[in-house]
Protein backbone atom coordinates (compact mmCIF):
# COMPACT_ATOMS: atom_id res chain seq x y z
CA UNK A 1 98.31 135.68 115.55
CA UNK A 2 102.03 135.23 116.17
CA UNK A 3 104.30 134.76 119.15
CA UNK A 4 104.66 138.53 119.58
CA UNK A 5 100.87 138.81 120.01
CA UNK A 6 100.93 136.13 122.70
CA UNK A 7 103.75 137.86 124.55
CA UNK A 8 101.90 141.18 124.36
CA UNK A 9 98.78 139.52 125.74
CA UNK A 10 100.74 137.98 128.61
CA UNK A 11 102.31 141.34 129.35
CA UNK A 12 98.84 142.94 129.40
CA UNK A 13 97.61 140.30 131.84
CA UNK A 14 100.52 141.06 134.16
CA UNK A 15 100.16 144.85 133.83
CA UNK A 16 96.43 144.71 134.50
CA UNK A 17 96.81 142.44 137.53
CA UNK A 18 96.69 143.65 141.11
CA UNK A 19 100.09 144.68 142.51
CA UNK A 20 101.13 143.65 145.99
CA UNK A 21 102.03 146.91 147.78
CA UNK A 22 105.74 147.60 148.30
CA UNK A 23 106.81 144.61 146.14
CA UNK A 24 107.25 143.73 142.52
CA UNK A 25 104.74 140.92 142.90
CA UNK A 26 101.36 140.80 141.20
CA UNK A 27 98.29 138.72 141.85
CA UNK A 28 97.10 137.18 138.60
CA UNK A 29 93.67 135.63 138.28
CA UNK A 30 94.11 131.91 137.79
CA UNK A 31 91.40 131.68 135.12
CA UNK A 32 93.15 134.35 133.01
CA UNK A 33 96.44 132.46 132.99
CA UNK A 34 94.75 129.11 132.37
CA UNK A 35 92.73 130.54 129.47
CA UNK A 36 95.90 132.11 128.07
CA UNK A 37 97.75 128.78 128.32
CA UNK A 38 94.86 126.95 126.62
CA UNK A 39 94.82 129.46 123.74
CA UNK A 40 98.59 129.21 123.41
CA UNK A 41 98.43 125.41 123.31
CA UNK A 42 95.63 125.48 120.74
CA UNK A 43 97.60 127.90 118.59
CA UNK A 44 100.74 125.78 118.87
CA UNK A 45 98.83 122.61 117.93
CA UNK A 46 97.21 124.32 114.95
CA UNK A 47 100.60 125.56 113.77
CA UNK A 48 102.14 122.13 114.27
CA UNK A 49 99.35 120.32 112.43
CA UNK A 50 99.39 122.87 109.62
CA UNK A 51 103.05 121.98 108.98
CA UNK A 52 102.12 118.37 108.41
CA UNK A 53 99.20 119.28 106.15
CA UNK A 54 101.11 121.69 103.95
CA UNK A 55 102.24 120.40 100.60
CA UNK A 56 105.94 119.84 100.39
CA UNK A 57 108.14 122.29 98.55
CA UNK A 58 110.47 120.76 95.96
CA UNK A 59 113.98 120.56 97.39
CA UNK A 60 115.51 122.83 94.75
CA UNK A 61 112.85 125.49 95.42
CA UNK A 62 113.35 125.18 99.19
CA UNK A 63 117.11 125.53 98.76
CA UNK A 64 116.63 128.63 96.61
CA UNK A 65 114.21 130.11 99.15
CA UNK A 66 116.76 129.41 101.90
CA UNK A 67 119.52 131.05 99.84
CA UNK A 68 117.31 134.12 99.40
CA UNK A 69 116.56 134.26 103.12
CA UNK A 70 112.90 133.27 102.72
CA UNK A 71 113.30 130.04 104.70
CA UNK A 72 115.13 129.42 107.94
CA UNK A 73 117.61 126.58 108.30
CA UNK A 74 115.00 124.73 110.39
CA UNK A 75 112.40 125.13 107.63
CA UNK A 76 114.88 123.86 105.04
CA UNK A 77 115.76 120.87 107.21
CA UNK A 78 112.06 120.17 107.81
CA UNK A 79 111.47 120.25 104.05
CA UNK A 80 114.38 117.88 103.41
CA UNK A 81 113.15 115.53 106.16
CA UNK A 82 109.61 115.65 104.80
CA UNK A 83 110.89 114.85 101.31
CA UNK A 84 112.87 111.88 102.67
CA UNK A 85 109.86 110.62 104.60
CA UNK A 86 107.64 110.96 101.53
CA UNK A 87 110.14 109.04 99.39
CA UNK A 88 110.35 106.31 102.01
CA UNK A 89 106.55 106.16 102.26
CA UNK A 90 106.28 105.87 98.47
CA UNK A 91 108.80 103.00 98.48
CA UNK A 92 106.90 101.22 101.26
CA UNK A 93 103.60 101.78 99.43
CA UNK A 94 105.09 100.42 96.17
CA UNK A 95 106.45 97.38 98.02
CA UNK A 96 103.09 96.77 99.67
CA UNK A 97 101.32 97.08 96.31
CA UNK A 98 103.75 94.60 94.73
CA UNK A 99 103.26 92.17 97.62
CA UNK A 100 99.47 92.49 97.33
CA UNK A 101 99.70 91.88 93.58
CA UNK A 102 101.79 88.71 94.13
CA UNK A 103 99.39 87.41 96.78
CA UNK A 104 96.36 88.07 94.57
CA UNK A 105 98.00 86.48 91.52
CA UNK A 106 98.87 83.40 93.62
CA UNK A 107 95.30 83.29 94.91
CA UNK A 108 93.98 83.54 91.36
CA UNK A 109 96.14 80.57 90.28
CA UNK A 110 94.88 78.53 93.25
CA UNK A 111 91.27 79.50 92.56
CA UNK A 112 91.67 78.59 88.88
CA UNK A 113 92.97 75.15 89.93
CA UNK A 114 90.11 74.72 92.37
CA UNK A 115 87.61 75.81 89.73
CA UNK A 116 89.09 73.30 87.31
CA UNK A 117 88.79 70.58 89.97
CA UNK A 118 85.15 71.54 90.60
CA UNK A 119 84.37 71.47 86.87
CA UNK A 120 86.09 68.10 86.50
CA UNK A 121 84.08 66.77 89.45
CA UNK A 122 80.82 68.00 87.93
CA UNK A 123 81.69 66.42 84.55
CA UNK A 124 82.47 63.14 86.28
CA UNK A 125 79.10 63.26 88.10
CA UNK A 126 77.30 63.98 84.82
CA UNK A 127 78.81 60.83 83.32
CA UNK A 128 77.43 58.66 86.12
């Protein structure tokens, strides 16, 4: 379904509605319009969420598709923004991984020292 289908459906709702005599007004059933709005919102949400779930197109491919008229300027910009966001996320993830590694290595050193202290304490108790 595309936007043209939604517009056609809205037009059908209006054309099939009761006309007020001697005016250009129509009486539209509230439930028809509300159902139409709900379907339109659901469609819009599904389209919006599908953009975020789609794999990104490499920038050079997106640029070529734009040059060939296969992508709009908005789609190209969205692809570039998505690529920037993904790069930033990868940098953040790498930084978080490095931080976690440092914390765990520090913890390991502390635990090794504590383990050595425990072993020394046990040896001392065995001598007594």
